[in-house]
């Protein structure tokens, strides 16, 4: 295959260009293929008079057919235009990046393409296309020719090379569904955003980047270890290329999508050493409240250009943190907040409401923690969501360990809470934060 398009449909965040598409374009180019990447999500967003549909609190209707039917009445003309445009490209391969929020949109567009006699091969990949979610669904229903259930670089290149059994894919052969084992890329290249920079994103002059892919932690609610089969790091040369291209494009801010910028002391020092050589940018990223993190480390982060950090606190209850396998100390969170305030770094805090073993006493400890730490002025969103049993998480794989008596991604029931209780706690949590002025 020589002509390929990889695209992203709504709904997805309109804040900045999608890193996944840029990474696939770069990797394919280094393997001899020049693919086209299109962010249809931002195009539809910019043309829409109903931009509230892209707010996180309004994502749910995109994920169910009843809600999508109402949305379709507002964006159908845009989707029909996309279908016509993809037909006119006459590509050998059309790939779709699929999330829970654009799965139904993707099905709609593929169906429209097939009803008009599309001859291109269809591939789907992304977080929603995993073996334990929808990877088999897209093949069983003959919606796609390839389901990429792992990291997309190796499978995409194999498909472009016309390999009969691309690594990391699920395909159909003579009515038999075949799963081909995956393989992680040995090297990652600087993402290529050249197809995407002409779009108007909400966060102007901003690009995403990831130094590391994967996470060394084993938090019970997280599924990142399922998404990435091993920990991979960018080398300094590739980051240098990225920075050079970013400067040419007038980029001023880089947001790191790594689970944490400090997966270990060694990696943390390497990252800071690389960043210290590239001035003229402001940075934002996630930090893990590791026991070894010190005031000196936060000062080093500040000197490198970080002005926003995000830390996952998740709960103010030590008992719940232990069940989460979240190896942090609430005292370290206090110190981290204090250091950031003194150094002028904005510190965002994330919380999870309704972990399976969370009791009312644990929930009120979280509210107390927020009240006590409030003078240090952390940023906490007053629009929280409840805990989900993600299919790749330990919660989902070992429900009995967490007292879950009825397993479901959103509506699971445990000995300590059910969806109604979690929803009530979420409303109390959000209301409490608004009373505090968040």
Protein backbone atom coordinates (compact mmCIF):
# COMPACT_ATOMS: atom_id res chain seq x y z
CA UNK A 1 0.00 0.00 0.00
CA UNK A 2 1.36 3.42 -0.93
CA UNK A 3 -1.40 5.90 -0.16
CA UNK A 4 -2.70 5.99 3.38
CA UNK A 5 -4.73 8.30 5.61
CA UNK A 6 -4.97 8.12 9.39
CA UNK A 7 -7.68 10.28 10.92
CA UNK A 8 -9.42 11.21 14.15
CA UNK A 9 -13.19 11.78 14.25
CA UNK A 10 -15.24 13.61 16.88
CA UNK A 11 -15.59 13.60 19.77
CA UNK A 12 -12.13 14.18 21.23
CA UNK A 13 -10.44 17.03 23.06
CA UNK A 14 -10.08 20.15 20.86
CA UNK A 15 -7.30 21.54 23.03
CA UNK A 16 -4.24 20.58 20.97
CA UNK A 17 -3.10 18.36 18.07
CA UNK A 18 -3.38 14.59 18.68
CA UNK A 19 0.01 13.12 19.53
CA UNK A 20 -0.98 9.63 18.34
CA UNK A 21 -1.49 10.72 14.74
CA UNK A 22 1.76 12.69 14.69
CA UNK A 23 3.68 9.72 16.11
CA UNK A 24 2.30 7.33 13.47
CA UNK A 25 3.17 9.75 10.67
CA UNK A 26 6.75 10.10 11.89
CA UNK A 27 7.36 6.38 12.44
CA UNK A 28 5.90 5.50 9.02
CA UNK A 29 8.07 8.12 7.31
CA UNK A 30 11.21 6.64 8.86
CA UNK A 31 10.15 3.26 7.48
CA UNK A 32 9.66 4.63 3.95
CA UNK A 33 5.98 5.62 3.90
CA UNK A 34 4.55 9.15 3.71
CA UNK A 35 1.04 8.94 5.17
CA UNK A 36 -1.47 11.75 5.57
CA UNK A 37 -2.94 12.55 9.00
CA UNK A 38 -6.23 14.43 9.39
CA UNK A 39 -7.82 15.72 12.58
CA UNK A 40 -11.49 15.80 11.58
CA UNK A 41 -12.43 16.28 15.22
CA UNK A 42 -11.03 19.81 15.35
CA UNK A 43 -12.43 20.64 11.91
CA UNK A 44 -15.96 19.67 12.98
CA UNK A 45 -15.50 21.46 16.31
CA UNK A 46 -14.44 24.70 14.65
CA UNK A 47 -17.38 24.57 12.23
CA UNK A 48 -19.92 23.67 14.90
CA UNK A 49 -22.34 26.06 16.59
CA UNK A 50 -22.71 23.52 19.42
CA UNK A 51 -19.23 23.59 20.93
CA UNK A 52 -20.59 22.59 24.35
CA UNK A 53 -20.80 19.04 22.97
CA UNK A 54 -17.00 18.83 23.31
CA UNK A 55 -16.95 19.64 27.03
CA UNK A 56 -15.84 16.62 29.12
CA UNK A 57 -19.07 16.65 31.12
CA UNK A 58 -20.96 16.19 27.83
CA UNK A 59 -18.93 13.25 26.50
CA UNK A 60 -21.40 10.57 27.61
CA UNK A 61 -24.01 11.11 24.83
CA UNK A 62 -21.29 10.40 22.26
CA UNK A 63 -20.84 6.92 23.74
CA UNK A 64 -24.41 5.61 23.39
CA UNK A 65 -26.66 5.34 20.36
CA UNK A 66 -29.56 7.25 21.89
CA UNK A 67 -27.35 10.22 22.72
CA UNK A 68 -25.51 10.04 19.42
CA UNK A 69 -28.80 10.18 17.50
CA UNK A 70 -29.39 13.63 18.95
CA UNK A 71 -25.81 14.70 18.25
CA UNK A 72 -26.04 13.41 14.68
CA UNK A 73 -28.85 15.85 13.94
CA UNK A 74 -26.33 18.64 14.64
CA UNK A 75 -23.24 17.31 12.82
CA UNK A 76 -24.59 15.01 10.07
CA UNK A 77 -23.69 17.43 7.28
CA UNK A 78 -20.11 17.61 8.56
CA UNK A 79 -19.82 13.82 8.72
CA UNK A 80 -21.25 13.46 5.21
CA UNK A 81 -18.63 15.92 3.99
CA UNK A 82 -15.92 13.84 5.65
CA UNK A 83 -17.21 10.68 3.98
CA UNK A 84 -17.14 12.37 0.58
CA UNK A 85 -13.64 13.74 1.18
CA UNK A 86 -12.27 10.33 2.17
CA UNK A 87 -13.84 8.78 -0.95
CA UNK A 88 -12.17 11.38 -3.14
CA UNK A 89 -8.73 10.63 -1.67
CA UNK A 90 -8.90 7.10 -3.13
CA UNK A 91 -6.43 5.90 -0.52
CA UNK A 92 -5.23 2.31 -0.30
CA UNK A 93 -5.71 2.44 3.47
CA UNK A 94 -7.87 4.56 5.76
CA UNK A 95 -7.11 4.27 9.46
CA UNK A 96 -9.22 5.55 12.34
CA UNK A 97 -8.03 6.41 15.84
CA UNK A 98 -10.83 5.16 18.10
CA UNK A 99 -11.72 6.27 21.62
CA UNK A 100 -14.84 5.53 23.65
CA UNK A 101 -16.10 9.00 22.71
CA UNK A 102 -15.80 8.53 18.93
CA UNK A 103 -16.48 4.82 18.46
CA UNK A 104 -20.05 5.38 17.24
CA UNK A 105 -18.95 8.27 15.02
CA UNK A 106 -16.30 6.01 13.50
CA UNK A 107 -18.84 3.28 12.81
CA UNK A 108 -21.14 5.84 11.17
CA UNK A 109 -18.40 7.14 8.84
CA UNK A 110 -17.15 3.65 7.91
CA UNK A 111 -20.71 2.57 7.19
CA UNK A 112 -21.14 5.63 4.96
CA UNK A 113 -17.93 4.82 3.11
CA UNK A 114 -18.94 1.22 2.50
CA UNK A 115 -22.44 2.15 1.35
CA UNK A 116 -20.81 4.29 -1.34
CA UNK A 117 -18.52 1.51 -2.55
CA UNK A 118 -15.23 2.39 -0.86
CA UNK A 119 -12.39 0.16 -2.06
CA UNK A 120 -9.85 1.21 0.56
CA UNK A 121 -8.79 -1.15 3.31
CA UNK A 122 -10.04 -0.04 6.72
CA UNK A 123 -7.97 -0.17 9.93
CA UNK A 124 -8.98 0.84 13.45
CA UNK A 125 -6.71 1.38 16.44
CA UNK A 126 -6.49 3.38 19.65
CA UNK A 127 -7.54 2.94 23.29
CA UNK A 128 -10.96 1.52 22.41
CA UNK A 129 -9.49 -1.12 20.10
CA UNK A 130 -8.19 -3.63 22.58
CA UNK A 131 -8.90 -7.33 22.85
CA UNK A 132 -10.97 -6.88 25.99
CA UNK A 133 -13.04 -4.01 24.58
CA UNK A 134 -13.89 -3.63 20.86
CA UNK A 135 -11.01 -5.09 18.83
CA UNK A 136 -12.92 -8.28 18.01
CA UNK A 137 -16.20 -6.40 17.51
CA UNK A 138 -14.90 -4.40 14.52
CA UNK A 139 -13.68 -7.61 12.84
CA UNK A 140 -16.63 -9.85 13.73
CA UNK A 141 -19.05 -7.27 12.31
CA UNK A 142 -16.82 -6.82 9.22
CA UNK A 143 -16.57 -3.10 9.95
CA UNK A 144 -12.79 -3.05 9.55
CA UNK A 145 -10.15 -5.19 7.84
CA UNK A 146 -7.61 -4.70 10.63
CA UNK A 147 -8.04 -4.13 14.36
CA UNK A 148 -4.80 -2.82 15.85
CA UNK A 149 -5.07 -3.88 19.48
CA UNK A 150 -1.66 -2.64 20.64
CA UNK A 151 0.76 0.21 19.94
CA UNK A 152 0.14 1.31 16.38
CA UNK A 153 3.58 1.87 14.84
CA UNK A 154 4.61 -1.71 13.99
CA UNK A 155 1.11 -2.84 12.85
CA UNK A 156 0.71 0.20 10.59
CA UNK A 157 4.02 -0.35 8.82
CA UNK A 158 3.24 -4.06 8.38
CA UNK A 159 -0.13 -3.14 6.83
CA UNK A 160 1.54 -0.62 4.53
CA UNK A 161 3.97 -3.36 3.48
CA UNK A 162 0.98 -5.56 2.55
CA UNK A 163 1.94 -8.24 5.05
CA UNK A 164 -0.80 -10.86 5.26
CA UNK A 165 -0.60 -11.04 9.02
CA UNK A 166 0.45 -7.65 10.44
CA UNK A 167 1.85 -7.89 13.95
CA UNK A 168 -0.42 -6.65 16.73
CA UNK A 169 -3.62 -6.96 14.70
CA UNK A 170 -6.80 -9.00 14.62
CA UNK A 171 -7.94 -9.99 11.13
CA UNK A 172 -10.37 -12.34 9.42
CA UNK A 173 -9.10 -15.16 7.22
CA UNK A 174 -11.64 -17.38 5.47
CA UNK A 175 -14.25 -16.55 8.12
CA UNK A 176 -11.73 -17.38 10.88
CA UNK A 177 -10.67 -14.60 13.23
CA UNK A 178 -6.89 -14.55 13.71
CA UNK A 179 -4.95 -12.71 16.42
CA UNK A 180 -1.34 -11.94 15.53
CA UNK A 181 1.05 -11.35 18.48
CA UNK A 182 2.25 -7.75 19.00
CA UNK A 183 5.71 -6.24 18.98
CA UNK A 184 6.73 -2.92 20.50
CA UNK A 185 8.83 -0.48 18.46
CA UNK A 186 12.50 -0.52 19.42
CA UNK A 187 12.84 3.22 18.85
CA UNK A 188 10.42 6.15 18.81
CA UNK A 189 10.92 9.12 16.52
CA UNK A 190 10.08 12.78 16.97
CA UNK A 191 6.35 13.21 16.24
CA UNK A 192 5.49 14.91 12.95
CA UNK A 193 2.71 17.48 13.40
CA UNK A 194 3.12 19.02 9.93
CA UNK A 195 -0.35 17.95 8.73
CA UNK A 196 -2.04 19.27 11.87
CA UNK A 197 -0.51 22.66 12.69
CA UNK A 198 -2.78 24.62 10.34
CA UNK A 199 -5.79 23.69 12.48
CA UNK A 200 -7.05 26.12 15.09
CA UNK A 201 -6.89 24.45 18.51
CA UNK A 202 -8.11 25.91 21.79
CA UNK A 203 -4.60 25.92 23.25
CA UNK A 204 -2.66 27.96 20.71
CA UNK A 205 1.11 27.56 20.20
CA UNK A 206 0.99 24.34 22.25
CA UNK A 207 2.06 20.79 21.41
CA UNK A 208 1.91 17.50 23.32
CA UNK A 209 4.91 15.23 23.80
CA UNK A 210 5.82 12.05 25.68
CA UNK A 211 9.34 11.28 26.89
CA UNK A 212 8.26 7.87 28.13
CA UNK A 213 5.61 5.41 27.03
CA UNK A 214 4.35 3.17 29.78
CA UNK A 215 4.36 3.36 33.58
CA UNK A 216 6.38 1.52 36.25
CA UNK A 217 3.56 1.72 38.82
CA UNK A 218 0.77 -0.79 39.33
CA UNK A 219 -2.15 1.32 40.53
CA UNK A 220 -5.26 -0.85 40.78
CA UNK A 221 -7.54 1.50 38.81
CA UNK A 222 -5.12 2.11 35.91
CA UNK A 223 -4.77 0.13 32.69
CA UNK A 224 -1.64 1.70 31.20
CA UNK A 225 0.40 -1.47 31.65
CA UNK A 226 -2.13 -3.16 29.37
CA UNK A 227 -1.94 -0.39 26.77
CA UNK A 228 1.86 -0.40 26.57
CA UNK A 229 3.65 -3.73 26.72
CA UNK A 230 6.94 -2.26 27.93
CA UNK A 231 8.51 1.01 29.08
CA UNK A 232 10.05 2.93 26.15
CA UNK A 233 12.05 6.17 26.30
CA UNK A 234 12.79 8.86 23.73
CA UNK A 235 16.46 9.64 23.31
CA UNK A 236 17.80 13.18 23.57
CA UNK A 237 18.52 13.47 19.84
CA UNK A 238 14.89 12.85 18.92
CA UNK A 239 13.71 15.40 21.48
CA UNK A 240 16.19 17.87 20.03
CA UNK A 241 14.63 17.36 16.60
CA UNK A 242 11.17 17.88 18.09
CA UNK A 243 12.24 21.11 19.83
CA UNK A 244 13.86 22.44 16.65
CA UNK A 245 10.69 21.87 14.62
CA UNK A 246 8.54 23.29 17.41
CA UNK A 247 10.54 26.52 17.43
CA UNK A 248 10.18 26.84 13.67
CA UNK A 249 6.41 26.53 14.05
CA UNK A 250 6.20 29.21 16.75
CA UNK A 251 5.37 26.77 19.56
CA UNK A 252 5.77 28.26 23.03
CA UNK A 253 4.34 25.59 25.31
CA UNK A 254 4.82 21.82 25.53
CA UNK A 255 2.55 19.58 27.58
CA UNK A 256 3.99 16.20 28.51
CA UNK A 257 1.50 13.35 28.38
CA UNK A 258 3.72 10.91 30.26
CA UNK A 259 2.09 9.25 33.25
CA UNK A 260 4.85 10.96 35.20
CA UNK A 261 8.01 12.90 34.43
CA UNK A 262 9.72 11.07 37.31
CA UNK A 263 9.26 7.30 36.77
CA UNK A 264 12.67 6.87 38.43
CA UNK A 265 15.48 9.07 39.73
CA UNK A 266 17.64 8.18 36.74
CA UNK A 267 15.02 8.98 34.10
CA UNK A 268 13.99 12.14 35.96
CA UNK A 269 17.55 13.47 35.87
CA UNK A 270 17.90 12.59 32.18
CA UNK A 271 14.67 14.45 31.34
CA UNK A 272 15.67 17.56 33.32
CA UNK A 273 19.15 17.53 31.76
CA UNK A 274 17.62 17.47 28.26
CA UNK A 275 15.07 20.19 29.04
CA UNK A 276 17.70 22.48 30.58
CA UNK A 277 19.33 22.73 27.14
CA UNK A 278 16.20 24.06 25.46
CA UNK A 279 15.15 27.50 26.59
CA UNK A 280 12.22 29.60 25.43
CA UNK A 281 9.45 27.13 26.27
CA UNK A 282 7.09 26.64 29.17
CA UNK A 283 6.30 23.07 30.20
CA UNK A 284 3.49 21.22 31.92
CA UNK A 285 3.45 17.60 33.04
CA UNK A 286 2.42 14.94 35.54
CA UNK A 287 4.48 14.19 38.63
CA UNK A 288 4.27 11.21 40.96
CA UNK A 289 4.60 12.06 44.65
CA UNK A 290 7.50 9.67 45.07
CA UNK A 291 9.13 9.47 48.48
CA UNK A 292 12.47 10.56 47.02
CA UNK A 293 11.17 13.80 45.46
CA UNK A 294 12.70 16.78 47.28
CA UNK A 295 12.45 20.56 47.31
CA UNK A 296 15.66 20.63 45.26
CA UNK A 297 13.98 18.51 42.57
CA UNK A 298 11.03 20.90 42.37
CA UNK A 299 13.45 23.83 42.10
CA UNK A 300 15.16 22.03 39.21
CA UNK A 301 11.78 21.53 37.54
CA UNK A 302 11.05 25.24 37.88
CA UNK A 303 14.43 26.22 36.41
CA UNK A 304 13.77 24.02 33.39
CA UNK A 305 10.57 25.92 32.58
CA UNK A 306 7.77 23.95 34.24
CA UNK A 307 5.02 26.22 35.53
CA UNK A 308 2.22 23.65 35.87
CA UNK A 309 2.37 20.18 37.45
CA UNK A 310 -0.40 17.63 37.98
CA UNK A 311 -0.34 15.08 40.78
CA UNK A 312 -2.73 12.19 41.26
CA UNK A 313 -3.78 12.27 44.91
CA UNK A 314 -6.88 10.10 44.27
CA UNK A 315 -7.96 9.86 47.92
CA UNK A 316 -7.43 11.46 51.32
CA UNK A 317 -7.77 8.05 52.99
CA UNK A 318 -4.56 6.06 53.63
CA UNK A 319 -6.65 2.88 53.69
CA UNK A 320 -8.02 3.51 50.20
CA UNK A 321 -4.59 4.53 48.87
CA UNK A 322 -3.21 1.22 50.11
CA UNK A 323 -6.00 -0.70 48.36
CA UNK A 324 -5.31 1.30 45.20
CA UNK A 325 -1.66 0.23 45.44
CA UNK A 326 -0.90 3.95 45.22
CA UNK A 327 2.49 4.15 46.86
CA UNK A 328 2.38 7.78 47.98
CA UNK A 329 2.29 9.63 51.28
CA UNK A 330 -0.27 12.35 51.96
CA UNK A 331 2.44 14.17 53.89
CA UNK A 332 4.54 14.25 50.70
CA UNK A 333 1.54 15.76 48.89
CA UNK A 334 1.47 18.56 51.48
CA UNK A 335 5.20 19.20 51.02
CA UNK A 336 4.81 19.11 47.23
CA UNK A 337 1.98 21.66 47.39
CA UNK A 338 4.02 23.87 49.74
CA UNK A 339 7.13 23.78 47.51
CA UNK A 340 5.10 24.52 44.37
CA UNK A 341 3.35 27.47 46.01
CA UNK A 342 6.66 28.95 47.19
CA UNK A 343 8.22 28.51 43.73
CA UNK A 344 5.26 29.82 41.74
CA UNK A 345 4.30 26.50 40.14
CA UNK A 346 0.61 25.77 39.71
CA UNK A 347 -0.19 22.35 41.15
CA UNK A 348 -3.25 20.51 39.87
CA UNK A 349 -4.67 17.64 41.91
CA UNK A 350 -6.74 14.73 40.64
CA UNK A 351 -9.09 12.65 42.78
CA UNK A 352 -11.03 9.43 42.20
CA UNK A 353 -14.48 9.24 43.77
CA UNK A 354 -15.93 5.86 44.67
CA UNK A 355 -13.06 3.37 44.52
CA UNK A 356 -14.66 -0.08 45.15
CA UNK A 357 -13.45 -0.25 48.76
CA UNK A 358 -14.19 3.42 49.57
CA UNK A 359 -16.54 3.87 52.52
CA UNK A 360 -18.29 7.04 53.63
CA UNK A 361 -15.59 7.57 56.25
CA UNK A 362 -12.91 7.41 53.53
CA UNK A 363 -14.84 9.84 51.37
CA UNK A 364 -15.11 12.39 54.19
CA UNK A 365 -11.37 12.03 54.87
CA UNK A 366 -10.82 13.12 51.25
CA UNK A 367 -13.00 16.19 51.79
CA UNK A 368 -11.09 16.95 55.01
CA UNK A 369 -7.77 16.62 53.18
CA UNK A 370 -8.92 19.11 50.54
CA UNK A 371 -10.11 21.55 53.21
CA UNK A 372 -6.80 21.36 55.08
CA UNK A 373 -4.62 21.77 51.98
CA UNK A 374 -6.73 24.59 50.57
CA UNK A 375 -4.45 27.43 51.88
CA UNK A 376 -1.69 26.08 49.62
CA UNK A 377 -3.98 26.86 46.66
CA UNK A 378 -3.86 23.66 44.61
CA UNK A 379 -6.04 23.57 41.49
CA UNK A 380 -8.85 21.03 41.84
CA UNK A 381 -11.58 20.71 39.26
CA UNK A 382 -15.11 21.02 40.72
CA UNK A 383 -16.32 18.60 38.03
CA UNK A 384 -15.19 15.19 39.29
CA UNK A 385 -16.19 11.81 37.90
CA UNK A 386 -16.64 8.47 39.60
CA UNK A 387 -14.28 5.50 39.60
CA UNK A 388 -14.54 3.18 36.60
CA UNK A 389 -13.51 -0.47 36.41
CA UNK A 390 -11.42 -0.12 33.25
CA UNK A 391 -11.06 -3.40 31.42
CA UNK A 392 -7.26 -3.46 31.62
CA UNK A 393 -7.10 -2.57 35.32
CA UNK A 394 -6.59 -4.86 38.30
CA UNK A 395 -10.05 -3.85 39.53
CA UNK A 396 -11.55 -5.44 36.44
CA UNK A 397 -9.25 -8.46 36.28
CA UNK A 398 -9.54 -9.34 39.99
CA UNK A 399 -12.95 -8.00 41.12
CA UNK A 400 -13.21 -10.28 44.15
CA UNK A 401 -10.04 -8.72 45.58
CA UNK A 402 -11.89 -5.39 45.80
CA UNK A 403 -15.20 -6.74 47.05
CA UNK A 404 -16.94 -6.28 43.70
CA UNK A 405 -20.10 -8.36 43.52
CA UNK A 406 -21.32 -7.19 40.10
CA UNK A 407 -18.74 -6.25 37.46
CA UNK A 408 -19.35 -3.44 34.98
CA UNK A 409 -17.11 -0.64 33.76
CA UNK A 410 -19.30 2.15 35.18
CA UNK A 411 -22.07 0.45 37.13
CA UNK A 412 -20.08 -2.08 39.18
CA UNK A 413 -21.35 -2.93 42.64
CA UNK A 414 -19.11 -3.67 45.63
CA UNK A 415 -19.59 -4.39 49.33
CA UNK A 416 -18.79 -0.75 50.14
CA UNK A 417 -20.61 1.18 47.40
CA UNK A 418 -22.63 0.97 44.21
CA UNK A 419 -23.22 3.40 41.34
CA UNK A 420 -25.95 5.34 43.14
CA UNK A 421 -23.70 5.93 46.14
CA UNK A 422 -20.76 6.87 43.92
CA UNK A 423 -22.92 9.31 41.98
CA UNK A 424 -24.15 10.86 45.24
CA UNK A 425 -20.59 11.23 46.50
CA UNK A 426 -19.59 12.80 43.21
CA UNK A 427 -22.33 15.44 43.57
CA UNK A 428 -21.32 16.12 47.18
CA UNK A 429 -17.65 16.36 46.15
CA UNK A 430 -18.40 18.81 43.33
CA UNK A 431 -20.69 20.88 45.51
CA UNK A 432 -18.11 20.95 48.33
CA UNK A 433 -15.44 22.28 45.98
CA UNK A 434 -17.72 25.00 44.65
CA UNK A 435 -18.49 26.08 48.22
CA UNK A 436 -14.73 26.32 48.83
CA UNK A 437 -14.45 28.56 45.78
CA UNK A 438 -12.96 26.15 43.23
